[in-house]
C-alpha atoms as a PDB file:
ATOM      1  CA  MET A   1      70.299  90.435  98.111  1.00  0.00           C
ATOM      2  CA  PRO A   2      67.750  87.618  97.938  1.00  0.00           C
ATOM      3  CA  ARG A   3      66.275  86.667  94.605  1.00  0.00           C
ATOM      4  CA  ILE A   4      62.549  87.361  94.567  1.00  0.00           C
ATOM      5  CA  VAL A   5      60.780  85.450  91.822  1.00  0.00           C
ATOM      6  CA  VAL A   6      57.780  87.522  90.782  1.00  0.00           C
ATOM      7  CA  PRO A   7      56.616  87.740  87.147  1.00  0.00           C
ATOM      8  CA  GLY A   8      57.773  91.046  85.701  1.00  0.00           C
ATOM      9  CA  TYR A   9      60.057  91.813  88.628  1.00  0.00           C
ATOM     10  CA  GLU A  10      63.282  89.951  87.952  1.00  0.00           C
ATOM     11  CA  ALA A  11      63.554  91.271  84.392  1.00  0.00           C
ATOM     12  CA  ASP A  12      63.365  94.848  85.690  1.00  0.00           C
ATOM     13  CA  THR A  13      65.891  94.593  88.510  1.00  0.00           C
ATOM     14  CA  THR A  14      68.612  96.944  87.313  1.00  0.00           C
ATOM     15  CA  GLY A  15      70.955  98.900  89.566  1.00  0.00           C
ATOM     16  CA  SER A  16      69.880 102.268  88.189  1.00  0.00           C
ATOM     17  CA  SER A  17      66.164 101.739  88.798  1.00  0.00           C
ATOM     18  CA  LYS A  18      66.413  99.455  91.823  1.00  0.00           C
ATOM     19  CA  ASP A  19      64.455 101.724  94.164  1.00  0.00           C
ATOM     20  CA  THR A  20      61.778 102.411  91.567  1.00  0.00           C
ATOM     21  CA  ASN A  21      61.220  98.739  90.906  1.00  0.00           C
ATOM     22  CA  GLU A  22      61.004  97.959  94.605  1.00  0.00           C
ATOM     23  CA  ASN A  23      58.314 100.596  95.050  1.00  0.00           C
ATOM     24  CA  GLU A  24      56.359  99.449  91.997  1.00  0.00           C
ATOM     25  CA  ASN A  25      56.488  95.794  92.998  1.00  0.00           C
ATOM     26  CA  ARG A  26      55.634  96.293  96.653  1.00  0.00           C
ATOM     27  CA  PRO A  27      51.868  95.768  95.983  1.00  0.00           C
ATOM     28  CA  LEU A  28      52.723  92.641  93.972  1.00  0.00           C
ATOM     29  CA  LEU A  29      54.719  91.231  96.858  1.00  0.00           C
ATOM     30  CA  GLN A  30      51.859  91.969  99.250  1.00  0.00           C
ATOM     31  CA  GLN A  31      49.461  90.033  97.022  1.00  0.00           C
ATOM     32  CA  TRP A  32      51.653  86.958  97.431  1.00  0.00           C
END
């Protein structure tokens, strides 16, 4: 899995909440 460097994203990438974090950070990735 590629490492995406987005402030506030990397610190929250845990296996248990992986899907949640991806959904929450989708708008952030679109801004970039």
